[in-house]
Amino acid sequence: MPTTQPNTSVLNPLWPDAEWDVSGAFANDRELLLFHDFFFQVFGIRPLRLVHGAPLCLWNSGRVVPRLMCTAEQIRDAGNAYTRRNIAVDLTFSNHLLGEEHLGDETGNAILKFFERNNPTGGNGVIMASEALYNHVKKNFPGLKTVSSIIKVSVEHGRGKADYYRRLAERFDKVMIHPDDAWNFDMLEQLEDKSRYEILVNEYCVRGCKIRHLHYRSLSKAAINFFGARDEEFEKLFPNNGCSDIRQLLTSPDRGTTALSLDEIRRLYDMGFRKFKVQGRGMANVGGPLFDLLRLCLREDTPDDNFMHRVKLQFLEAVATLNPQV
């Protein structure tokens, strides 16, 4: 059982009202649920209120990997576990290549129906880049929030354009900011209602990536034809892009990672942004997102104690040994 009074002193004082949207639904459910349950039961706080992800299907372009092949029972169990904890889910149905011919997909429609019906927070949503899917969701699943994907901004070349983001915010309930715009502070200042936007804070791609839109296209092709799709243009350019060169990402000023520093996140928070996204795409396991969650959501130790260090170790031990009640 949680403590009777939430102990908010363990939250990061740099951004006490930040709302974290965390990657890993349908891939790392066990670890995400443990994160929620541990800190709720020990401290009475709920640092995790929104997760995103989707099983492998035609519509998913958030991750296109074999381990996302879920059975109907696994999808239902994960959805029910989040529902019982009042954790909202954003479905990453962000394949921008979807057309009318793809809207009858039974898996995608069944998932939409489930999360519209099991929606205690009213916050379940769909991350989209396809206009055809957007119209389908608006017409047939009005109980779900609409979220504009980073992929949409990328393939429509909306990066750096405040007017483009405003137009998206007129249509969508939430708009994802392109990673290269997360540090375009002059442009972000021009966005009036900052509660409508969400910013990715731990993207480990290169800043100013010239083939980002090709990478998204390759993922969307693979989702539609998982065992047969190829994108030769992307495959030719990717090895020389610098994405996997850790030395370049950490040391090259003009090709550094788009992951934000603490000072950059604090600047965004002070500007009025409250919705932040922690992603796990491309990471080998759940360790990266979990450590980012611990680093971002929770405070550090004061000079004269190591209380938070012990708490984080206890949580990591729980991850290794416990199973959450799903």
C-alpha atoms as a PDB file:
ATOM      1  CA  MET A   1       0.000   0.000   0.000  1.00  0.00           C
ATOM      2  CA  PRO A   2       1.198   3.560  -0.677  1.00  0.00           C
ATOM      3  CA  THR A   3       2.081   5.958   2.082  1.00  0.00           C
ATOM      4  CA  THR A   4      -0.894   7.996   3.291  1.00  0.00           C
ATOM      5  CA  GLN A   5       0.808  11.257   2.356  1.00  0.00           C
ATOM      6  CA  PRO A   6       2.750  11.477  -0.922  1.00  0.00           C
ATOM      7  CA  ASN A   7       6.436  12.140  -0.327  1.00  0.00           C
ATOM      8  CA  THR A   8       7.075  14.583  -3.139  1.00  0.00           C
ATOM      9  CA  SER A   9      10.487  15.465  -1.723  1.00  0.00           C
ATOM     10  CA  VAL A  10      11.980  12.671  -3.839  1.00  0.00           C
ATOM     11  CA  LEU A  11      10.889  14.321  -7.090  1.00  0.00           C
ATOM     12  CA  ASN A  12      13.382  16.347  -9.114  1.00  0.00           C
ATOM     13  CA  PRO A  13      13.099  19.955  -7.861  1.00  0.00           C
ATOM     14  CA  LEU A  14      14.286  21.312 -11.222  1.00  0.00           C
ATOM     15  CA  TRP A  15      10.884  20.557 -12.783  1.00  0.00           C
ATOM     16  CA  PRO A  16       8.387  19.445 -10.111  1.00  0.00           C
ATOM     17  CA  ASP A  17       5.349  19.706 -12.400  1.00  0.00           C
ATOM     18  CA  ALA A  18       6.868  17.957 -15.420  1.00  0.00           C
ATOM     19  CA  GLU A  19       4.729  15.251 -17.054  1.00  0.00           C
ATOM     20  CA  TRP A  20       6.749  12.317 -18.406  1.00  0.00           C
ATOM     21  CA  ASP A  21       5.630  10.267 -21.410  1.00  0.00           C
ATOM     22  CA  VAL A  22       7.703   7.078 -21.405  1.00  0.00           C
ATOM     23  CA  SER A  23       8.490   4.635 -24.184  1.00  0.00           C
ATOM     24  CA  GLY A  24       8.134   0.880 -23.832  1.00  0.00           C
ATOM     25  CA  ALA A  25       4.461  -0.088 -23.863  1.00  0.00           C
ATOM     26  CA  PHE A  26       4.081  -3.641 -25.250  1.00  0.00           C
ATOM     27  CA  ALA A  27       7.863  -4.078 -25.143  1.00  0.00           C
ATOM     28  CA  ASN A  28       8.981  -3.313 -21.577  1.00  0.00           C
ATOM     29  CA  ASP A  29       5.692  -3.431 -19.664  1.00  0.00           C
ATOM     30  CA  ARG A  30       7.131  -5.372 -16.727  1.00  0.00           C
ATOM     31  CA  GLU A  31       9.817  -2.760 -16.025  1.00  0.00           C
ATOM     32  CA  LEU A  32       7.512   0.226 -16.506  1.00  0.00           C
ATOM     33  CA  LEU A  33       4.889  -1.251 -14.193  1.00  0.00           C
ATOM     34  CA  LEU A  34       7.559  -1.964 -11.575  1.00  0.00           C
ATOM     35  CA  PHE A  35       8.733   1.646 -11.818  1.00  0.00           C
ATOM     36  CA  HIS A  36       5.192   2.845 -11.156  1.00  0.00           C
ATOM     37  CA  ASP A  37       4.424   0.336  -8.394  1.00  0.00           C
ATOM     38  CA  PHE A  38       7.709   0.763  -6.515  1.00  0.00           C
ATOM     39  CA  PHE A  39       7.500   4.525  -6.164  1.00  0.00           C
ATOM     40  CA  PHE A  40       3.753   4.524  -5.569  1.00  0.00           C
ATOM     41  CA  GLN A  41       3.948   1.921  -2.799  1.00  0.00           C
ATOM     42  CA  VAL A  42       7.049   3.334  -1.115  1.00  0.00           C
ATOM     43  CA  PHE A  43       6.500   7.079  -1.507  1.00  0.00           C
ATOM     44  CA  GLY A  44       2.877   7.476  -2.596  1.00  0.00           C
ATOM     45  CA  ILE A  45       3.924   9.296  -5.767  1.00  0.00           C
ATOM     46  CA  ARG A  46       3.012   8.491  -9.362  1.00  0.00           C
ATOM     47  CA  PRO A  47       5.882   9.688 -11.552  1.00  0.00           C
ATOM     48  CA  LEU A  48       4.595   7.598 -14.458  1.00  0.00           C
ATOM     49  CA  ARG A  49       1.200   8.647 -15.854  1.00  0.00           C
ATOM     50  CA  LEU A  50       1.623   8.149 -19.621  1.00  0.00           C
ATOM     51  CA  VAL A  51       3.386   5.514 -21.722  1.00  0.00           C
ATOM     52  CA  HIS A  52       3.617   5.045 -25.456  1.00  0.00           C
ATOM     53  CA  GLY A  53       4.188   2.177 -27.855  1.00  0.00           C
ATOM     54  CA  ALA A  54       2.297  -0.335 -29.977  1.00  0.00           C
ATOM     55  CA  PRO A  55       2.510  -4.004 -30.944  1.00  0.00           C
ATOM     56  CA  LEU A  56       3.987  -4.830 -34.325  1.00  0.00           C
ATOM     57  CA  CYS A  57       1.319  -4.178 -36.948  1.00  0.00           C
ATOM     58  CA  LEU A  58       0.823  -2.273 -40.203  1.00  0.00           C
ATOM     59  CA  TRP A  59       0.163   1.000 -38.428  1.00  0.00           C
ATOM     60  CA  ASN A  60       3.085   0.991 -35.996  1.00  0.00           C
ATOM     61  CA  SER A  61       6.214   2.919 -36.934  1.00  0.00           C
ATOM     62  CA  GLY A  62       7.375   3.690 -33.401  1.00  0.00           C
ATOM     63  CA  ARG A  63       9.380   0.455 -33.299  1.00  0.00           C
ATOM     64  CA  VAL A  64       9.499  -2.234 -35.946  1.00  0.00           C
ATOM     65  CA  VAL A  65      11.224  -5.167 -34.238  1.00  0.00           C
ATOM     66  CA  PRO A  66      10.335  -8.872 -33.814  1.00  0.00           C
ATOM     67  CA  ARG A  67       9.913  -8.683 -30.024  1.00  0.00           C
ATOM     68  CA  LEU A  68       6.836  -6.500 -30.548  1.00  0.00           C
ATOM     69  CA  MET A  69       4.954  -9.449 -32.021  1.00  0.00           C
ATOM     70  CA  CYS A  70       2.311  -9.747 -29.295  1.00  0.00           C
ATOM     71  CA  THR A  71      -0.632 -12.090 -28.956  1.00  0.00           C
ATOM     72  CA  ALA A  72      -4.103 -10.692 -28.376  1.00  0.00           C
ATOM     73  CA  GLU A  73      -3.878 -11.914 -24.781  1.00  0.00           C
ATOM     74  CA  GLN A  74      -0.578 -10.107 -24.201  1.00  0.00           C
ATOM     75  CA  ILE A  75      -1.999  -6.874 -25.619  1.00  0.00           C
ATOM     76  CA  ARG A  76      -5.106  -7.159 -23.442  1.00  0.00           C
ATOM     77  CA  ASP A  77      -3.093  -7.979 -20.305  1.00  0.00           C
ATOM     78  CA  ALA A  78      -0.783  -4.987 -20.816  1.00  0.00           C
ATOM     79  CA  GLY A  79      -3.701  -2.674 -21.523  1.00  0.00           C
ATOM     80  CA  ASN A  80      -5.589  -3.839 -18.435  1.00  0.00           C
ATOM     81  CA  ALA A  81      -2.492  -3.393 -16.255  1.00  0.00           C
ATOM     82  CA  TYR A  82      -2.105   0.237 -17.354  1.00  0.00           C
ATOM     83  CA  THR A  83      -5.849   0.813 -17.006  1.00  0.00           C
ATOM     84  CA  ARG A  84      -5.904  -0.422 -13.381  1.00  0.00           C
ATOM     85  CA  ARG A  85      -3.112   2.006 -12.507  1.00  0.00           C
ATOM     86  CA  ASN A  86      -4.723   4.963 -14.316  1.00  0.00           C
ATOM     87  CA  ILE A  87      -1.748   5.168 -16.671  1.00  0.00           C
ATOM     88  CA  ALA A  88      -2.733   6.543 -20.067  1.00  0.00           C
ATOM     89  CA  VAL A  89      -1.396   5.022 -23.297  1.00  0.00           C
ATOM     90  CA  ASP A  90      -0.433   6.769 -26.534  1.00  0.00           C
ATOM     91  CA  LEU A  91      -0.444   4.220 -29.360  1.00  0.00           C
ATOM     92  CA  THR A  92       2.446   4.788 -31.784  1.00  0.00           C
ATOM     93  CA  PHE A  93       0.427   4.306 -34.958  1.00  0.00           C
ATOM     94  CA  SER A  94       2.771   6.742 -36.703  1.00  0.00           C
ATOM     95  CA  ASN A  95       3.273   5.019 -40.059  1.00  0.00           C
ATOM     96  CA  HIS A  96       3.107   7.918 -42.534  1.00  0.00           C
ATOM     97  CA  LEU A  97       2.700   5.630 -45.572  1.00  0.00           C
ATOM     98  CA  LEU A  98      -0.776   4.465 -44.572  1.00  0.00           C
ATOM     99  CA  GLY A  99      -3.578   5.020 -47.063  1.00  0.00           C
ATOM    100  CA  GLU A 100      -7.253   4.169 -47.263  1.00  0.00           C
ATOM    101  CA  GLU A 101      -6.343   0.610 -48.255  1.00  0.00           C
ATOM    102  CA  HIS A 102      -4.727   0.010 -44.852  1.00  0.00           C
ATOM    103  CA  LEU A 103      -7.531   1.270 -42.606  1.00  0.00           C
ATOM    104  CA  GLY A 104      -9.353  -2.064 -42.429  1.00  0.00           C
ATOM    105  CA  ASP A 105      -6.472  -3.712 -40.543  1.00  0.00           C
ATOM    106  CA  GLU A 106      -8.128  -5.884 -37.900  1.00  0.00           C
ATOM    107  CA  THR A 107      -5.297  -5.645 -35.365  1.00  0.00           C
ATOM    108  CA  GLY A 108      -5.090  -1.869 -35.452  1.00  0.00           C
ATOM    109  CA  ASN A 109      -8.840  -1.395 -35.196  1.00  0.00           C
ATOM    110  CA  ALA A 110      -9.170  -3.920 -32.361  1.00  0.00           C
ATOM    111  CA  ILE A 111      -6.449  -2.094 -30.384  1.00  0.00           C
ATOM    112  CA  LEU A 112      -8.147   1.259 -30.948  1.00  0.00           C
ATOM    113  CA  LYS A 113     -11.472  -0.174 -29.780  1.00  0.00           C
ATOM    114  CA  PHE A 114      -9.879  -1.644 -26.634  1.00  0.00           C
ATOM    115  CA  PHE A 115      -8.148   1.568 -25.571  1.00  0.00           C
ATOM    116  CA  GLU A 116     -11.177   3.723 -26.300  1.00  0.00           C
ATOM    117  CA  ARG A 117     -13.318   1.478 -24.068  1.00  0.00           C
ATOM    118  CA  ASN A 118     -10.666   1.097 -21.340  1.00  0.00           C
ATOM    119  CA  ASN A 119      -9.783   4.723 -20.779  1.00  0.00           C
ATOM    120  CA  PRO A 120     -10.301   5.764 -17.133  1.00  0.00           C
ATOM    121  CA  THR A 121      -8.095   8.844 -17.382  1.00  0.00           C
ATOM    122  CA  GLY A 122      -9.593   9.993 -20.682  1.00  0.00           C
ATOM    123  CA  GLY A 123      -5.997  10.431 -21.817  1.00  0.00           C
ATOM    124  CA  ASN A 124      -5.497   7.464 -24.146  1.00  0.00           C
ATOM    125  CA  GLY A 125      -4.427   8.672 -27.555  1.00  0.00           C
ATOM    126  CA  VAL A 126      -3.061   7.799 -30.979  1.00  0.00           C
ATOM    127  CA  ILE A 127       0.224   9.173 -32.355  1.00  0.00           C
ATOM    128  CA  MET A 128      -0.249   9.595 -36.114  1.00  0.00           C
ATOM    129  CA  ALA A 129       1.508  10.835 -39.228  1.00  0.00           C
ATOM    130  CA  SER A 130      -1.009   9.647 -41.843  1.00  0.00           C
ATOM    131  CA  GLU A 131      -3.923  11.895 -42.778  1.00  0.00           C
ATOM    132  CA  ALA A 132      -5.962   8.824 -43.744  1.00  0.00           C
ATOM    133  CA  LEU A 133      -5.538   7.318 -40.268  1.00  0.00           C
ATOM    134  CA  TYR A 134      -6.198  10.684 -38.620  1.00  0.00           C
ATOM    135  CA  ASN A 135      -9.574  10.946 -40.378  1.00  0.00           C
ATOM    136  CA  HIS A 136     -10.354   7.309 -39.528  1.00  0.00           C
ATOM    137  CA  VAL A 137      -9.671   7.833 -35.820  1.00  0.00           C
ATOM    138  CA  LYS A 138     -11.577  11.131 -35.639  1.00  0.00           C
ATOM    139  CA  LYS A 139     -14.631   9.537 -37.260  1.00  0.00           C
ATOM    140  CA  ASN A 140     -14.686   6.086 -35.653  1.00  0.00           C
ATOM    141  CA  PHE A 141     -12.858   6.487 -32.315  1.00  0.00           C
ATOM    142  CA  PRO A 142     -13.725   9.985 -31.041  1.00  0.00           C
ATOM    143  CA  GLY A 143     -12.957   8.960 -27.440  1.00  0.00           C
ATOM    144  CA  LEU A 144      -9.231   8.833 -28.184  1.00  0.00           C
ATOM    145  CA  LYS A 145      -6.896  11.832 -28.184  1.00  0.00           C
ATOM    146  CA  THR A 146      -5.131  12.683 -31.429  1.00  0.00           C
ATOM    147  CA  VAL A 147      -1.368  13.221 -31.326  1.00  0.00           C
ATOM    148  CA  SER A 148       0.734  14.551 -34.187  1.00  0.00           C
ATOM    149  CA  SER A 149       3.905  12.505 -34.619  1.00  0.00           C
ATOM    150  CA  ILE A 150       7.508  13.662 -34.947  1.00  0.00           C
ATOM    151  CA  ILE A 151       7.438  11.638 -38.162  1.00  0.00           C
ATOM    152  CA  LYS A 152       4.704  13.896 -39.544  1.00  0.00           C
ATOM    153  CA  VAL A 153       6.773  17.013 -38.878  1.00  0.00           C
ATOM    154  CA  SER A 154       9.825  15.399 -40.457  1.00  0.00           C
ATOM    155  CA  VAL A 155       8.275  14.103 -43.685  1.00  0.00           C
ATOM    156  CA  GLU A 156       6.239  17.294 -44.173  1.00  0.00           C
ATOM    157  CA  HIS A 157       9.363  19.416 -43.631  1.00  0.00           C
ATOM    158  CA  GLY A 158       7.740  21.439 -40.875  1.00  0.00           C
ATOM    159  CA  ARG A 159      10.890  21.707 -38.761  1.00  0.00           C
ATOM    160  CA  GLY A 160      11.636  25.209 -37.527  1.00  0.00           C
ATOM    161  CA  LYS A 161       8.273  26.663 -38.585  1.00  0.00           C
ATOM    162  CA  ALA A 162       6.137  28.067 -35.772  1.00  0.00           C
ATOM    163  CA  ASP A 163       3.153  28.547 -38.107  1.00  0.00           C
ATOM    164  CA  TYR A 164       3.300  24.876 -39.075  1.00  0.00           C
ATOM    165  CA  TYR A 165       3.161  23.808 -35.421  1.00  0.00           C
ATOM    166  CA  ARG A 166       0.272  26.179 -34.762  1.00  0.00           C
ATOM    167  CA  ARG A 167      -1.719  24.627 -37.617  1.00  0.00           C
ATOM    168  CA  LEU A 168      -1.115  21.166 -36.189  1.00  0.00           C
ATOM    169  CA  ALA A 169      -2.223  22.339 -32.734  1.00  0.00           C
ATOM    170  CA  GLU A 170      -5.517  23.542 -34.233  1.00  0.00           C
ATOM    171  CA  ARG A 171      -6.290  19.970 -35.369  1.00  0.00           C
ATOM    172  CA  PHE A 172      -4.538  17.658 -32.896  1.00  0.00           C
ATOM    173  CA  ASP A 173      -4.944  17.405 -29.134  1.00  0.00           C
ATOM    174  CA  LYS A 174      -1.157  17.193 -28.744  1.00  0.00           C
ATOM    175  CA  VAL A 175       1.742  17.963 -31.048  1.00  0.00           C
ATOM    176  CA  MET A 176       5.184  16.387 -30.879  1.00  0.00           C
ATOM    177  CA  ILE A 177       8.061  18.806 -31.437  1.00  0.00           C
ATOM    178  CA  HIS A 178      10.735  17.753 -33.932  1.00  0.00           C
ATOM    179  CA  PRO A 179      13.952  16.844 -32.008  1.00  0.00           C
ATOM    180  CA  ASP A 180      15.975  19.507 -33.838  1.00  0.00           C
ATOM    181  CA  ASP A 181      13.449  22.102 -32.663  1.00  0.00           C
ATOM    182  CA  ALA A 182      13.814  21.093 -29.004  1.00  0.00           C
ATOM    183  CA  TRP A 183      16.739  23.506 -28.779  1.00  0.00           C
ATOM    184  CA  ASN A 184      15.328  26.065 -31.248  1.00  0.00           C
ATOM    185  CA  PHE A 185      14.369  28.299 -28.332  1.00  0.00           C
ATOM    186  CA  ASP A 186      13.516  31.382 -30.399  1.00  0.00           C
ATOM    187  CA  MET A 187      10.962  29.407 -32.407  1.00  0.00           C
ATOM    188  CA  LEU A 188       9.530  27.653 -29.352  1.00  0.00           C
ATOM    189  CA  GLU A 189       8.960  30.986 -27.624  1.00  0.00           C
ATOM    190  CA  GLN A 190       6.529  31.852 -30.433  1.00  0.00           C
ATOM    191  CA  LEU A 191       4.188  28.934 -29.634  1.00  0.00           C
ATOM    192  CA  GLU A 192       1.388  30.368 -27.523  1.00  0.00           C
ATOM    193  CA  ASP A 193      -0.300  27.438 -25.731  1.00  0.00           C
ATOM    194  CA  LYS A 194       2.681  25.384 -24.651  1.00  0.00           C
ATOM    195  CA  SER A 195       0.453  22.806 -22.925  1.00  0.00           C
ATOM    196  CA  ARG A 196      -0.418  21.487 -26.393  1.00  0.00           C
ATOM    197  CA  TYR A 197       3.151  20.426 -27.193  1.00  0.00           C
ATOM    198  CA  GLU A 198       5.435  17.595 -26.060  1.00  0.00           C
ATOM    199  CA  ILE A 199       9.227  17.582 -26.311  1.00  0.00           C
ATOM    200  CA  LEU A 200      11.517  14.557 -26.644  1.00  0.00           C
ATOM    201  CA  VAL A 201      14.449  14.945 -24.251  1.00  0.00           C
ATOM    202  CA  ASN A 202      16.660  11.875 -24.821  1.00  0.00           C
ATOM    203  CA  GLU A 203      16.880  11.408 -28.603  1.00  0.00           C
ATOM    204  CA  TYR A 204      20.323   9.978 -29.411  1.00  0.00           C
ATOM    205  CA  CYS A 205      20.313  10.737 -33.121  1.00  0.00           C
ATOM    206  CA  VAL A 206      22.654  13.384 -34.531  1.00  0.00           C
ATOM    207  CA  ARG A 207      21.503  16.989 -34.513  1.00  0.00           C
ATOM    208  CA  GLY A 208      20.439  18.160 -37.946  1.00  0.00           C
ATOM    209  CA  CYS A 209      20.265  14.594 -39.319  1.00  0.00           C
ATOM    210  CA  LYS A 210      19.850  14.829 -43.088  1.00  0.00           C
ATOM    211  CA  ILE A 211      18.418  11.341 -43.514  1.00  0.00           C
ATOM    212  CA  ARG A 212      15.911  11.302 -40.636  1.00  0.00           C
ATOM    213  CA  HIS A 213      12.968  11.284 -43.043  1.00  0.00           C
ATOM    214  CA  LEU A 214      14.525   8.354 -44.922  1.00  0.00           C
ATOM    215  CA  HIS A 215      14.951   6.419 -41.658  1.00  0.00           C
ATOM    216  CA  TYR A 216      11.268   6.960 -40.856  1.00  0.00           C
ATOM    217  CA  ARG A 217      10.343   5.861 -44.371  1.00  0.00           C
ATOM    218  CA  SER A 218      12.349   2.650 -43.982  1.00  0.00           C
ATOM    219  CA  LEU A 219      10.588   1.846 -40.686  1.00  0.00           C
ATOM    220  CA  SER A 220       7.158   2.514 -42.172  1.00  0.00           C
ATOM    221  CA  LYS A 221       7.931   0.316 -45.171  1.00  0.00           C
ATOM    222  CA  ALA A 222       9.083  -2.459 -42.851  1.00  0.00           C
ATOM    223  CA  ALA A 223       5.866  -2.253 -40.819  1.00  0.00           C
ATOM    224  CA  ILE A 224       3.753  -2.707 -43.949  1.00  0.00           C
ATOM    225  CA  ASN A 225       5.942  -5.522 -45.296  1.00  0.00           C
ATOM    226  CA  PHE A 226       7.972  -6.766 -42.339  1.00  0.00           C
ATOM    227  CA  PHE A 227       9.716  -9.650 -44.091  1.00  0.00           C
ATOM    228  CA  GLY A 228      10.193  -8.120 -47.527  1.00  0.00           C
ATOM    229  CA  ALA A 229      10.646  -4.360 -47.332  1.00  0.00           C
ATOM    230  CA  ARG A 230      13.955  -2.700 -48.201  1.00  0.00           C
ATOM    231  CA  ASP A 231      14.919   0.946 -48.492  1.00  0.00           C
ATOM    232  CA  GLU A 232      18.128   0.957 -50.514  1.00  0.00           C
ATOM    233  CA  GLU A 233      18.531   4.725 -50.423  1.00  0.00           C
ATOM    234  CA  PHE A 234      18.509   4.772 -46.613  1.00  0.00           C
ATOM    235  CA  GLU A 235      20.710   1.655 -46.360  1.00  0.00           C
ATOM    236  CA  LYS A 236      23.318   3.318 -48.600  1.00  0.00           C
ATOM    237  CA  LEU A 237      23.449   6.597 -46.667  1.00  0.00           C
ATOM    238  CA  PHE A 238      23.101   5.333 -43.087  1.00  0.00           C
ATOM    239  CA  PRO A 239      26.645   3.923 -42.540  1.00  0.00           C
ATOM    240  CA  ASN A 240      28.213   7.368 -43.108  1.00  0.00           C
ATOM    241  CA  ASN A 241      25.629   9.383 -41.180  1.00  0.00           C
ATOM    242  CA  GLY A 242      27.385   9.275 -37.806  1.00  0.00           C
ATOM    243  CA  CYS A 243      24.408   7.916 -35.862  1.00  0.00           C
ATOM    244  CA  SER A 244      26.347   4.981 -34.445  1.00  0.00           C
ATOM    245  CA  ASP A 245      29.676   6.766 -33.903  1.00  0.00           C
ATOM    246  CA  ILE A 246      29.599   7.492 -30.184  1.00  0.00           C
ATOM    247  CA  ARG A 247      32.814   9.540 -30.339  1.00  0.00           C
ATOM    248  CA  GLN A 248      31.324  11.856 -32.948  1.00  0.00           C
ATOM    249  CA  LEU A 249      28.052  12.193 -31.053  1.00  0.00           C
ATOM    250  CA  LEU A 250      29.859  13.161 -27.845  1.00  0.00           C
ATOM    251  CA  THR A 251      32.651  15.343 -29.225  1.00  0.00           C
ATOM    252  CA  SER A 252      31.598  16.929 -32.516  1.00  0.00           C
ATOM    253  CA  PRO A 253      29.915  20.325 -31.877  1.00  0.00           C
ATOM    254  CA  ASP A 254      28.065  20.326 -35.203  1.00  0.00           C
ATOM    255  CA  ARG A 255      27.099  16.638 -35.155  1.00  0.00           C
ATOM    256  CA  GLY A 256      26.368  16.051 -31.474  1.00  0.00           C
ATOM    257  CA  THR A 257      23.428  14.098 -30.121  1.00  0.00           C
ATOM    258  CA  THR A 258      19.998  15.716 -29.937  1.00  0.00           C
ATOM    259  CA  ALA A 259      19.602  14.477 -26.348  1.00  0.00           C
ATOM    260  CA  LEU A 260      19.021  17.558 -24.211  1.00  0.00           C
ATOM    261  CA  SER A 261      21.210  18.658 -21.334  1.00  0.00           C
ATOM    262  CA  LEU A 262      19.680  19.374 -17.928  1.00  0.00           C
ATOM    263  CA  ASP A 263      20.162  23.092 -18.546  1.00  0.00           C
ATOM    264  CA  GLU A 264      18.298  22.842 -21.854  1.00  0.00           C
ATOM    265  CA  ILE A 265      15.401  20.946 -20.257  1.00  0.00           C
ATOM    266  CA  ARG A 266      15.237  23.510 -17.460  1.00  0.00           C
ATOM    267  CA  ARG A 267      15.134  26.319 -20.013  1.00  0.00           C
ATOM    268  CA  LEU A 268      12.179  24.645 -21.730  1.00  0.00           C
ATOM    269  CA  TYR A 269      10.452  24.124 -18.394  1.00  0.00           C
ATOM    270  CA  ASP A 270      10.938  27.778 -17.450  1.00  0.00           C
ATOM    271  CA  MET A 271       9.536  28.717 -20.859  1.00  0.00           C
ATOM    272  CA  GLY A 272       6.279  26.993 -19.892  1.00  0.00           C
ATOM    273  CA  PHE A 273       6.570  23.499 -21.380  1.00  0.00           C
ATOM    274  CA  ARG A 274       5.457  20.679 -19.081  1.00  0.00           C
ATOM    275  CA  LYS A 275       5.098  17.617 -21.347  1.00  0.00           C
ATOM    276  CA  PHE A 276       8.328  15.723 -21.947  1.00  0.00           C
ATOM    277  CA  LYS A 277       8.943  12.421 -23.728  1.00  0.00           C
ATOM    278  CA  VAL A 278      11.499   9.754 -22.732  1.00  0.00           C
ATOM    279  CA  GLN A 279      12.088   7.417 -25.665  1.00  0.00           C
ATOM    280  CA  GLY A 280      13.597   3.965 -25.988  1.00  0.00           C
ATOM    281  CA  ARG A 281      13.706   3.524 -29.766  1.00  0.00           C
ATOM    282  CA  GLY A 282      16.986   2.016 -30.905  1.00  0.00           C
ATOM    283  CA  MET A 283      18.164   1.084 -27.400  1.00  0.00           C
ATOM    284  CA  ALA A 284      19.264  -2.506 -26.926  1.00  0.00           C
ATOM    285  CA  ASN A 285      17.213  -2.996 -23.740  1.00  0.00           C
ATOM    286  CA  VAL A 286      15.123  -1.198 -21.159  1.00  0.00           C
ATOM    287  CA  GLY A 287      18.174  -0.077 -19.171  1.00  0.00           C
ATOM    288  CA  GLY A 288      18.550   3.218 -21.033  1.00  0.00           C
ATOM    289  CA  PRO A 289      14.990   4.497 -20.528  1.00  0.00           C
ATOM    290  CA  LEU A 290      14.956   3.334 -16.888  1.00  0.00           C
ATOM    291  CA  PHE A 291      18.161   5.151 -16.046  1.00  0.00           C
ATOM    292  CA  ASP A 292      16.896   8.257 -17.843  1.00  0.00           C
ATOM    293  CA  LEU A 293      13.689   8.048 -15.803  1.00  0.00           C
ATOM    294  CA  LEU A 294      15.620   7.800 -12.543  1.00  0.00           C
ATOM    295  CA  ARG A 295      17.861  10.675 -13.591  1.00  0.00           C
ATOM    296  CA  LEU A 296      15.104  12.971 -14.792  1.00  0.00           C
ATOM    297  CA  CYS A 297      12.133  12.235 -12.509  1.00  0.00           C
ATOM    298  CA  LEU A 298      13.895  11.980  -9.160  1.00  0.00           C
ATOM    299  CA  ARG A 299      16.120  14.346  -7.228  1.00  0.00           C
ATOM    300  CA  GLU A 300      19.813  13.825  -6.669  1.00  0.00           C
ATOM    301  CA  ASP A 301      21.378  13.417  -3.226  1.00  0.00           C
ATOM    302  CA  THR A 302      22.245  16.474  -1.210  1.00  0.00           C
ATOM    303  CA  PRO A 303      25.939  16.866  -0.296  1.00  0.00           C
ATOM    304  CA  ASP A 304      25.457  15.370   3.160  1.00  0.00           C
ATOM    305  CA  ASP A 305      23.389  12.252   2.360  1.00  0.00           C
ATOM    306  CA  ASN A 306      23.074   9.350  -0.095  1.00  0.00           C
ATOM    307  CA  PHE A 307      19.382   8.608   0.421  1.00  0.00           C
ATOM    308  CA  MET A 308      18.391   8.742  -3.274  1.00  0.00           C
ATOM    309  CA  HIS A 309      21.315   6.549  -4.232  1.00  0.00           C
ATOM    310  CA  ARG A 310      20.008   3.847  -1.900  1.00  0.00           C
ATOM    311  CA  VAL A 311      16.450   4.266  -3.208  1.00  0.00           C
ATOM    312  CA  LYS A 312      17.560   3.842  -6.816  1.00  0.00           C
ATOM    313  CA  LEU A 313      19.580   0.755  -5.941  1.00  0.00           C
ATOM    314  CA  GLN A 314      16.544  -0.730  -4.175  1.00  0.00           C
ATOM    315  CA  PHE A 315      14.445  -0.114  -7.273  1.00  0.00           C
ATOM    316  CA  LEU A 316      17.017  -1.709  -9.581  1.00  0.00           C
ATOM    317  CA  GLU A 317      17.167  -4.737  -7.280  1.00  0.00           C
ATOM    318  CA  ALA A 318      13.374  -4.945  -7.460  1.00  0.00           C
ATOM    319  CA  VAL A 319      13.552  -4.912 -11.267  1.00  0.00           C
ATOM    320  CA  ALA A 320      15.894  -7.884 -11.136  1.00  0.00           C
ATOM    321  CA  THR A 321      13.798  -9.980  -8.774  1.00  0.00           C
ATOM    322  CA  LEU A 322      10.132  -8.982  -8.739  1.00  0.00           C
ATOM    323  CA  ASN A 323       7.204  -9.298 -11.091  1.00  0.00           C
ATOM    324  CA  PRO A 324       4.472  -6.643 -10.993  1.00  0.00           C
ATOM    325  CA  GLN A 325       0.858  -7.627 -10.667  1.00  0.00           C
ATOM    326  CA  VAL A 326      -0.445  -7.232 -14.199  1.00  0.00           C
END
